[in-house]
Amino acid sequence: MKKLILFAFYFVGISSFIHSQETLKNRTNAKLGFKTYFLQPNFQHFSFNYSKDNNSVFNTHQNISSFAVYGMNVGFEKFFTKNMYFSINAARTFGNTSVSELNLGVGFQKTIQNKVSFFSGLDFSIQRIQHQIGSFFANNAIKIDNRTFNNENIEVSLGNQMLGMTPKIGLNVQLNECFALYGQINYFIPITNNGYVRFSNGKFFDSKVAHINLDANATDINFENNATKLTQTPFTRNIFSFELGIKIRGKR
């Protein structure tokens, strides 16, 4: 009889736990926020020259320092246990220096006080940074990476596409049953990096874009810092970002 009673309590307890887990893991949060990237350059100045048929087409010498860029972030969180969730996020900034990013990861969330919860996580990230360094006008037809530009302005940008990991920590403050305010700090750690030069006519319609990789084979590109040839763009490390926004809880 005692064993039967103990089994009944055990069964009720396990059933309640499973029900609570099933309820909690059906939670889905949508995120919408503002994102700020703090960019620190690897070097303070550079010289850049692009030549075609041994003739200089575009040349510039620039100093560069740390600065911030601003944009939007959207994402979703899907809980699979009471405290663990999968997440997907996308962010984009605009301007002369633009950052675009896609993150897939897992996170842990724990309530630390009434209406306040702490969360942390780790994302696999794809990040692209493009820094415009100037423009030139193509009076005559010029072919770049199998793209022909003719009688149009060409914008020149230094770009890099990176794969890496992004640890993150933050706080949620529950406003009501549906909305929560969140703040989050991220630090991007690059694993692979591909530097390139981007040429674009900047048009929405009839857009033309060409890329030349920054490597030893880029004979038309002379990109230097203190007479040292560069194969990477200025922003490839120490990339912090901060998010502030709203989380919207979906139906359970």
C-alpha atoms as a PDB file:
ATOM      1  CA  MET A   1       0.000   0.000   0.000  1.00  0.00           C
ATOM      2  CA  LYS A   2       2.805   2.432   0.907  1.00  0.00           C
ATOM      3  CA  LYS A   3       4.520   1.618  -2.382  1.00  0.00           C
ATOM      4  CA  LEU A   4       1.274   2.314  -4.232  1.00  0.00           C
ATOM      5  CA  ILE A   5       0.855   5.690  -2.513  1.00  0.00           C
ATOM      6  CA  LEU A   6       4.480   6.601  -3.192  1.00  0.00           C
ATOM      7  CA  PHE A   7       4.041   5.587  -6.817  1.00  0.00           C
ATOM      8  CA  ALA A   8       0.893   7.745  -7.072  1.00  0.00           C
ATOM      9  CA  PHE A   9       2.721  10.798  -5.679  1.00  0.00           C
ATOM     10  CA  TYR A  10       5.640  10.092  -7.995  1.00  0.00           C
ATOM     11  CA  PHE A  11       3.328   9.787 -10.994  1.00  0.00           C
ATOM     12  CA  VAL A  12       1.461  13.012 -10.156  1.00  0.00           C
ATOM     13  CA  GLY A  13       4.742  14.860  -9.627  1.00  0.00           C
ATOM     14  CA  ILE A  14       6.244  13.674 -12.919  1.00  0.00           C
ATOM     15  CA  SER A  15       3.001  14.457 -14.775  1.00  0.00           C
ATOM     16  CA  SER A  16       2.922  17.977 -13.351  1.00  0.00           C
ATOM     17  CA  PHE A  17       6.565  18.534 -14.273  1.00  0.00           C
ATOM     18  CA  ILE A  18       6.056  17.295 -17.831  1.00  0.00           C
ATOM     19  CA  HIS A  19       2.936  19.472 -18.202  1.00  0.00           C
ATOM     20  CA  SER A  20       4.819  22.545 -16.969  1.00  0.00           C
ATOM     21  CA  GLN A  21       7.705  21.796 -19.300  1.00  0.00           C
ATOM     22  CA  GLU A  22       5.350  21.330 -22.250  1.00  0.00           C
ATOM     23  CA  THR A  23       3.670  24.638 -21.431  1.00  0.00           C
ATOM     24  CA  LEU A  24       6.937  26.520 -21.014  1.00  0.00           C
ATOM     25  CA  LYS A  25       8.682  25.092 -24.025  1.00  0.00           C
ATOM     26  CA  ASN A  26       5.872  26.296 -26.265  1.00  0.00           C
ATOM     27  CA  ARG A  27       6.838  29.890 -25.513  1.00  0.00           C
ATOM     28  CA  THR A  28       7.949  31.968 -28.469  1.00  0.00           C
ATOM     29  CA  ASN A  29       9.239  35.519 -28.121  1.00  0.00           C
ATOM     30  CA  ALA A  30       9.619  38.024 -30.940  1.00  0.00           C
ATOM     31  CA  LYS A  31      12.305  40.725 -30.607  1.00  0.00           C
ATOM     32  CA  LEU A  32      12.511  44.212 -32.056  1.00  0.00           C
ATOM     33  CA  GLY A  33      15.209  46.629 -31.016  1.00  0.00           C
ATOM     34  CA  PHE A  34      17.896  49.171 -31.767  1.00  0.00           C
ATOM     35  CA  LYS A  35      21.468  47.920 -32.117  1.00  0.00           C
ATOM     36  CA  THR A  36      24.728  49.814 -31.763  1.00  0.00           C
ATOM     37  CA  TYR A  37      28.081  48.478 -32.977  1.00  0.00           C
ATOM     38  CA  PHE A  38      31.310  49.854 -31.517  1.00  0.00           C
ATOM     39  CA  LEU A  39      34.020  49.479 -34.162  1.00  0.00           C
ATOM     40  CA  GLN A  40      37.729  49.658 -33.323  1.00  0.00           C
ATOM     41  CA  PRO A  41      40.122  49.669 -36.305  1.00  0.00           C
ATOM     42  CA  ASN A  42      43.141  47.388 -36.529  1.00  0.00           C
ATOM     43  CA  PHE A  43      45.261  50.299 -37.838  1.00  0.00           C
ATOM     44  CA  GLN A  44      45.024  54.090 -37.708  1.00  0.00           C
ATOM     45  CA  HIS A  45      45.725  55.074 -41.324  1.00  0.00           C
ATOM     46  CA  PHE A  46      46.054  53.504 -44.769  1.00  0.00           C
ATOM     47  CA  SER A  47      46.698  54.264 -48.416  1.00  0.00           C
ATOM     48  CA  PHE A  48      44.643  52.714 -51.191  1.00  0.00           C
ATOM     49  CA  ASN A  49      45.158  52.723 -54.929  1.00  0.00           C
ATOM     50  CA  TYR A  50      43.178  50.982 -57.649  1.00  0.00           C
ATOM     51  CA  SER A  51      44.762  50.846 -61.086  1.00  0.00           C
ATOM     52  CA  LYS A  52      43.625  49.520 -64.425  1.00  0.00           C
ATOM     53  CA  ASP A  53      46.042  48.740 -67.252  1.00  0.00           C
ATOM     54  CA  ASN A  54      48.834  50.290 -65.154  1.00  0.00           C
ATOM     55  CA  ASN A  55      46.906  53.575 -64.859  1.00  0.00           C
ATOM     56  CA  SER A  56      45.720  54.816 -61.470  1.00  0.00           C
ATOM     57  CA  VAL A  57      41.921  55.077 -61.432  1.00  0.00           C
ATOM     58  CA  PHE A  58      41.235  55.778 -57.758  1.00  0.00           C
ATOM     59  CA  ASN A  59      43.642  56.812 -54.998  1.00  0.00           C
ATOM     60  CA  THR A  60      43.124  57.858 -51.378  1.00  0.00           C
ATOM     61  CA  HIS A  61      45.003  58.248 -48.078  1.00  0.00           C
ATOM     62  CA  GLN A  62      42.870  58.169 -44.938  1.00  0.00           C
ATOM     63  CA  ASN A  63      43.081  58.196 -41.165  1.00  0.00           C
ATOM     64  CA  ILE A  64      40.610  56.067 -39.273  1.00  0.00           C
ATOM     65  CA  SER A  65      39.536  55.899 -35.627  1.00  0.00           C
ATOM     66  CA  SER A  66      37.015  54.146 -33.407  1.00  0.00           C
ATOM     67  CA  PHE A  67      33.353  55.026 -33.868  1.00  0.00           C
ATOM     68  CA  ALA A  68      29.830  53.639 -33.511  1.00  0.00           C
ATOM     69  CA  VAL A  69      27.144  52.768 -36.065  1.00  0.00           C
ATOM     70  CA  TYR A  70      23.434  52.319 -35.398  1.00  0.00           C
ATOM     71  CA  GLY A  71      20.712  50.106 -36.828  1.00  0.00           C
ATOM     72  CA  MET A  72      17.798  47.756 -36.208  1.00  0.00           C
ATOM     73  CA  ASN A  73      17.600  44.202 -34.871  1.00  0.00           C
ATOM     74  CA  VAL A  74      14.780  41.639 -35.238  1.00  0.00           C
ATOM     75  CA  GLY A  75      14.619  38.078 -33.970  1.00  0.00           C
ATOM     76  CA  PHE A  76      12.769  35.170 -32.396  1.00  0.00           C
ATOM     77  CA  GLU A  77      13.312  32.962 -29.355  1.00  0.00           C
ATOM     78  CA  LYS A  78      11.807  29.464 -29.088  1.00  0.00           C
ATOM     79  CA  PHE A  79      11.969  27.780 -25.672  1.00  0.00           C
ATOM     80  CA  PHE A  80      12.502  24.023 -25.605  1.00  0.00           C
ATOM     81  CA  THR A  81      12.731  23.743 -21.778  1.00  0.00           C
ATOM     82  CA  LYS A  82      11.774  26.027 -18.916  1.00  0.00           C
ATOM     83  CA  ASN A  83      15.028  27.997 -19.179  1.00  0.00           C
ATOM     84  CA  MET A  84      16.642  27.058 -22.518  1.00  0.00           C
ATOM     85  CA  TYR A  85      15.782  28.426 -25.948  1.00  0.00           C
ATOM     86  CA  PHE A  86      16.874  28.554 -29.556  1.00  0.00           C
ATOM     87  CA  SER A  87      17.267  32.002 -31.122  1.00  0.00           C
ATOM     88  CA  ILE A  88      17.587  33.590 -34.534  1.00  0.00           C
ATOM     89  CA  ASN A  89      18.410  37.276 -35.047  1.00  0.00           C
ATOM     90  CA  ALA A  90      19.179  39.585 -37.947  1.00  0.00           C
ATOM     91  CA  ALA A  91      20.591  43.120 -37.737  1.00  0.00           C
ATOM     92  CA  ARG A  92      21.418  45.855 -40.210  1.00  0.00           C
ATOM     93  CA  THR A  93      22.907  49.342 -40.047  1.00  0.00           C
ATOM     94  CA  PHE A  94      23.114  51.968 -42.777  1.00  0.00           C
ATOM     95  CA  GLY A  95      25.457  54.763 -43.772  1.00  0.00           C
ATOM     96  CA  ASN A  96      29.012  55.047 -45.071  1.00  0.00           C
ATOM     97  CA  THR A  97      29.930  52.172 -42.758  1.00  0.00           C
ATOM     98  CA  SER A  98      27.303  49.422 -42.746  1.00  0.00           C
ATOM     99  CA  VAL A  99      27.075  46.227 -40.719  1.00  0.00           C
ATOM    100  CA  SER A 100      24.789  43.305 -41.547  1.00  0.00           C
ATOM    101  CA  GLU A 101      24.580  40.261 -39.318  1.00  0.00           C
ATOM    102  CA  LEU A 102      22.752  36.930 -38.958  1.00  0.00           C
ATOM    103  CA  ASN A 103      22.892  34.956 -35.696  1.00  0.00           C
ATOM    104  CA  LEU A 104      21.731  31.420 -34.826  1.00  0.00           C
ATOM    105  CA  GLY A 105      22.212  30.177 -31.290  1.00  0.00           C
ATOM    106  CA  VAL A 106      21.051  28.895 -27.939  1.00  0.00           C
ATOM    107  CA  GLY A 107      20.383  30.747 -24.716  1.00  0.00           C
ATOM    108  CA  PHE A 108      19.646  30.306 -21.027  1.00  0.00           C
ATOM    109  CA  GLN A 109      17.196  32.483 -19.085  1.00  0.00           C
ATOM    110  CA  LYS A 110      16.651  32.596 -15.323  1.00  0.00           C
ATOM    111  CA  THR A 111      14.379  34.793 -13.200  1.00  0.00           C
ATOM    112  CA  ILE A 112      16.462  36.593 -10.558  1.00  0.00           C
ATOM    113  CA  GLN A 113      13.788  38.892  -9.139  1.00  0.00           C
ATOM    114  CA  ASN A 114      10.107  39.574  -9.644  1.00  0.00           C
ATOM    115  CA  LYS A 115       9.679  40.683 -13.289  1.00  0.00           C
ATOM    116  CA  VAL A 116      13.457  40.705 -13.859  1.00  0.00           C
ATOM    117  CA  SER A 117      15.314  37.850 -15.559  1.00  0.00           C
ATOM    118  CA  PHE A 118      18.919  37.296 -16.596  1.00  0.00           C
ATOM    119  CA  PHE A 119      19.886  35.604 -19.848  1.00  0.00           C
ATOM    120  CA  SER A 120      23.049  34.521 -21.595  1.00  0.00           C
ATOM    121  CA  GLY A 121      23.829  32.621 -24.747  1.00  0.00           C
ATOM    122  CA  LEU A 122      26.154  31.772 -27.586  1.00  0.00           C
ATOM    123  CA  ASP A 123      25.447  32.407 -31.278  1.00  0.00           C
ATOM    124  CA  PHE A 124      27.008  31.262 -34.504  1.00  0.00           C
ATOM    125  CA  SER A 125      27.284  34.498 -36.493  1.00  0.00           C
ATOM    126  CA  ILE A 126      27.746  35.643 -40.062  1.00  0.00           C
ATOM    127  CA  GLN A 127      28.813  39.276 -40.103  1.00  0.00           C
ATOM    128  CA  ARG A 128      29.604  41.656 -42.970  1.00  0.00           C
ATOM    129  CA  ILE A 129      31.110  45.133 -42.561  1.00  0.00           C
ATOM    130  CA  GLN A 130      31.505  47.599 -45.448  1.00  0.00           C
ATOM    131  CA  HIS A 131      33.322  50.910 -45.052  1.00  0.00           C
ATOM    132  CA  GLN A 132      33.030  53.388 -47.933  1.00  0.00           C
ATOM    133  CA  ILE A 133      36.323  55.147 -48.684  1.00  0.00           C
ATOM    134  CA  GLY A 134      35.348  57.288 -51.676  1.00  0.00           C
ATOM    135  CA  SER A 135      34.161  57.314 -55.275  1.00  0.00           C
ATOM    136  CA  PHE A 136      35.300  58.090 -58.799  1.00  0.00           C
ATOM    137  CA  PHE A 137      33.607  58.778 -62.129  1.00  0.00           C
ATOM    138  CA  ALA A 138      34.108  56.357 -65.012  1.00  0.00           C
ATOM    139  CA  ASN A 139      34.195  58.537 -68.130  1.00  0.00           C
ATOM    140  CA  ASN A 140      35.046  55.558 -70.303  1.00  0.00           C
ATOM    141  CA  ALA A 141      33.983  51.949 -70.041  1.00  0.00           C
ATOM    142  CA  ILE A 142      35.858  50.107 -67.294  1.00  0.00           C
ATOM    143  CA  LYS A 143      35.503  46.394 -66.552  1.00  0.00           C
ATOM    144  CA  ILE A 144      35.777  45.225 -62.939  1.00  0.00           C
ATOM    145  CA  ASP A 145      35.161  41.595 -62.011  1.00  0.00           C
ATOM    146  CA  ASN A 146      33.230  40.969 -65.257  1.00  0.00           C
ATOM    147  CA  ARG A 147      31.051  44.047 -64.622  1.00  0.00           C
ATOM    148  CA  THR A 148      31.240  46.974 -67.044  1.00  0.00           C
ATOM    149  CA  PHE A 149      30.813  50.499 -65.677  1.00  0.00           C
ATOM    150  CA  ASN A 150      30.476  53.340 -68.183  1.00  0.00           C
ATOM    151  CA  ASN A 151      29.756  57.054 -67.725  1.00  0.00           C
ATOM    152  CA  GLU A 152      28.659  56.668 -64.101  1.00  0.00           C
ATOM    153  CA  ASN A 153      29.841  57.269 -60.562  1.00  0.00           C
ATOM    154  CA  ILE A 154      31.449  54.293 -58.800  1.00  0.00           C
ATOM    155  CA  GLU A 155      31.497  54.024 -55.012  1.00  0.00           C
ATOM    156  CA  VAL A 156      34.471  52.197 -53.472  1.00  0.00           C
ATOM    157  CA  SER A 157      34.182  50.350 -50.147  1.00  0.00           C
ATOM    158  CA  LEU A 158      36.422  48.113 -48.059  1.00  0.00           C
ATOM    159  CA  GLY A 159      34.478  45.059 -46.959  1.00  0.00           C
ATOM    160  CA  ASN A 160      34.932  41.886 -44.988  1.00  0.00           C
ATOM    161  CA  GLN A 161      32.702  38.882 -44.415  1.00  0.00           C
ATOM    162  CA  MET A 162      33.357  36.939 -41.239  1.00  0.00           C
ATOM    163  CA  LEU A 163      32.137  33.765 -39.597  1.00  0.00           C
ATOM    164  CA  GLY A 164      32.441  33.546 -35.842  1.00  0.00           C
ATOM    165  CA  MET A 165      30.909  33.093 -32.413  1.00  0.00           C
ATOM    166  CA  THR A 166      29.077  35.732 -30.375  1.00  0.00           C
ATOM    167  CA  PRO A 167      28.721  35.349 -26.580  1.00  0.00           C
ATOM    168  CA  LYS A 168      25.888  37.486 -25.189  1.00  0.00           C
ATOM    169  CA  ILE A 169      24.445  38.493 -21.822  1.00  0.00           C
ATOM    170  CA  GLY A 170      21.484  40.648 -20.873  1.00  0.00           C
ATOM    171  CA  LEU A 171      18.452  41.430 -18.730  1.00  0.00           C
ATOM    172  CA  ASN A 172      14.693  41.308 -19.327  1.00  0.00           C
ATOM    173  CA  VAL A 173      12.255  43.518 -17.425  1.00  0.00           C
ATOM    174  CA  GLN A 174       8.689  42.262 -17.752  1.00  0.00           C
ATOM    175  CA  LEU A 175       6.266  45.137 -18.390  1.00  0.00           C
ATOM    176  CA  ASN A 176       3.090  43.005 -18.563  1.00  0.00           C
ATOM    177  CA  GLU A 177       2.045  39.549 -19.748  1.00  0.00           C
ATOM    178  CA  CYS A 178       2.897  40.327 -23.370  1.00  0.00           C
ATOM    179  CA  PHE A 179       5.774  42.826 -23.392  1.00  0.00           C
ATOM    180  CA  ALA A 180       9.242  42.946 -21.850  1.00  0.00           C
ATOM    181  CA  LEU A 181      12.038  45.488 -22.143  1.00  0.00           C
ATOM    182  CA  TYR A 182      15.465  43.961 -22.783  1.00  0.00           C
ATOM    183  CA  GLY A 183      19.074  45.087 -22.908  1.00  0.00           C
ATOM    184  CA  GLN A 184      21.852  42.912 -24.318  1.00  0.00           C
ATOM    185  CA  ILE A 185      25.644  43.090 -24.760  1.00  0.00           C
ATOM    186  CA  ASN A 186      27.400  41.052 -27.468  1.00  0.00           C
ATOM    187  CA  TYR A 187      31.038  40.409 -28.347  1.00  0.00           C
ATOM    188  CA  PHE A 188      31.814  38.999 -31.796  1.00  0.00           C
ATOM    189  CA  ILE A 189      34.797  36.600 -32.047  1.00  0.00           C
ATOM    190  CA  PRO A 190      35.765  36.038 -35.707  1.00  0.00           C
ATOM    191  CA  ILE A 191      36.951  32.594 -36.831  1.00  0.00           C
ATOM    192  CA  THR A 192      37.252  33.124 -40.588  1.00  0.00           C
ATOM    193  CA  ASN A 193      37.596  36.404 -42.454  1.00  0.00           C
ATOM    194  CA  ASN A 194      37.428  37.275 -46.139  1.00  0.00           C
ATOM    195  CA  GLY A 195      38.478  40.838 -47.060  1.00  0.00           C
ATOM    196  CA  TYR A 196      37.428  42.425 -50.341  1.00  0.00           C
ATOM    197  CA  VAL A 197      36.974  45.710 -52.199  1.00  0.00           C
ATOM    198  CA  ARG A 198      33.446  46.535 -53.349  1.00  0.00           C
ATOM    199  CA  PHE A 199      32.671  48.693 -56.386  1.00  0.00           C
ATOM    200  CA  SER A 200      29.073  49.850 -56.876  1.00  0.00           C
ATOM    201  CA  ASN A 201      27.212  52.407 -58.976  1.00  0.00           C
ATOM    202  CA  GLY A 202      24.915  53.009 -55.994  1.00  0.00           C
ATOM    203  CA  LYS A 203      21.718  52.707 -58.029  1.00  0.00           C
ATOM    204  CA  PHE A 204      18.584  50.967 -56.777  1.00  0.00           C
ATOM    205  CA  PHE A 205      17.466  50.128 -60.298  1.00  0.00           C
ATOM    206  CA  ASP A 206      20.101  48.925 -62.774  1.00  0.00           C
ATOM    207  CA  SER A 207      22.398  48.194 -59.843  1.00  0.00           C
ATOM    208  CA  LYS A 208      25.956  47.108 -60.636  1.00  0.00           C
ATOM    209  CA  VAL A 209      28.245  45.620 -57.991  1.00  0.00           C
ATOM    210  CA  ALA A 210      31.729  44.138 -58.396  1.00  0.00           C
ATOM    211  CA  HIS A 211      34.123  42.599 -55.862  1.00  0.00           C
ATOM    212  CA  ILE A 212      37.884  42.051 -55.807  1.00  0.00           C
ATOM    213  CA  ASN A 213      39.299  39.890 -53.013  1.00  0.00           C
ATOM    214  CA  LEU A 214      42.064  41.416 -50.899  1.00  0.00           C
ATOM    215  CA  ASP A 215      44.766  38.795 -51.293  1.00  0.00           C
ATOM    216  CA  ALA A 216      48.180  38.352 -52.866  1.00  0.00           C
ATOM    217  CA  ASN A 217      46.589  37.901 -56.301  1.00  0.00           C
ATOM    218  CA  ALA A 218      44.914  41.323 -56.264  1.00  0.00           C
ATOM    219  CA  THR A 219      47.462  42.949 -58.582  1.00  0.00           C
ATOM    220  CA  ASP A 220      45.216  45.935 -59.389  1.00  0.00           C
ATOM    221  CA  ILE A 221      44.863  46.831 -55.697  1.00  0.00           C
ATOM    222  CA  ASN A 222      47.569  48.515 -53.628  1.00  0.00           C
ATOM    223  CA  PHE A 223      46.293  48.647 -50.031  1.00  0.00           C
ATOM    224  CA  GLU A 224      48.978  49.521 -47.474  1.00  0.00           C
ATOM    225  CA  ASN A 225      49.686  50.625 -43.930  1.00  0.00           C
ATOM    226  CA  ASN A 226      53.194  52.030 -43.323  1.00  0.00           C
ATOM    227  CA  ALA A 227      54.413  50.437 -46.589  1.00  0.00           C
ATOM    228  CA  THR A 228      53.059  47.040 -45.482  1.00  0.00           C
ATOM    229  CA  LYS A 229      50.601  45.385 -47.849  1.00  0.00           C
ATOM    230  CA  LEU A 230      47.232  44.706 -46.229  1.00  0.00           C
ATOM    231  CA  THR A 231      44.894  41.813 -47.005  1.00  0.00           C
ATOM    232  CA  GLN A 232      42.319  42.599 -44.288  1.00  0.00           C
ATOM    233  CA  THR A 233      40.043  45.591 -43.836  1.00  0.00           C
ATOM    234  CA  PRO A 234      40.179  47.842 -40.729  1.00  0.00           C
ATOM    235  CA  PHE A 235      37.386  46.222 -38.698  1.00  0.00           C
ATOM    236  CA  THR A 236      38.076  42.560 -37.946  1.00  0.00           C
ATOM    237  CA  ARG A 237      38.349  42.411 -34.150  1.00  0.00           C
ATOM    238  CA  ASN A 238      37.077  43.938 -30.878  1.00  0.00           C
ATOM    239  CA  ILE A 239      33.540  44.245 -32.256  1.00  0.00           C
ATOM    240  CA  PHE A 240      31.193  44.984 -29.354  1.00  0.00           C
ATOM    241  CA  SER A 241      27.505  45.646 -29.839  1.00  0.00           C
ATOM    242  CA  PHE A 242      24.617  46.667 -27.599  1.00  0.00           C
ATOM    243  CA  GLU A 243      20.902  46.067 -28.085  1.00  0.00           C
ATOM    244  CA  LEU A 244      17.922  47.753 -26.455  1.00  0.00           C
ATOM    245  CA  GLY A 245      14.378  46.843 -27.394  1.00  0.00           C
ATOM    246  CA  ILE A 246      11.111  45.059 -26.775  1.00  0.00           C
ATOM    247  CA  LYS A 247      10.305  41.349 -26.570  1.00  0.00           C
ATOM    248  CA  ILE A 248       6.770  40.269 -27.450  1.00  0.00           C
ATOM    249  CA  ARG A 249       5.590  36.986 -25.991  1.00  0.00           C
ATOM    250  CA  GLY A 250       3.504  34.837 -28.335  1.00  0.00           C
ATOM    251  CA  LYS A 251       0.756  32.413 -27.452  1.00  0.00           C
ATOM    252  CA  ARG A 252       1.610  29.335 -25.456  1.00  0.00           C
END
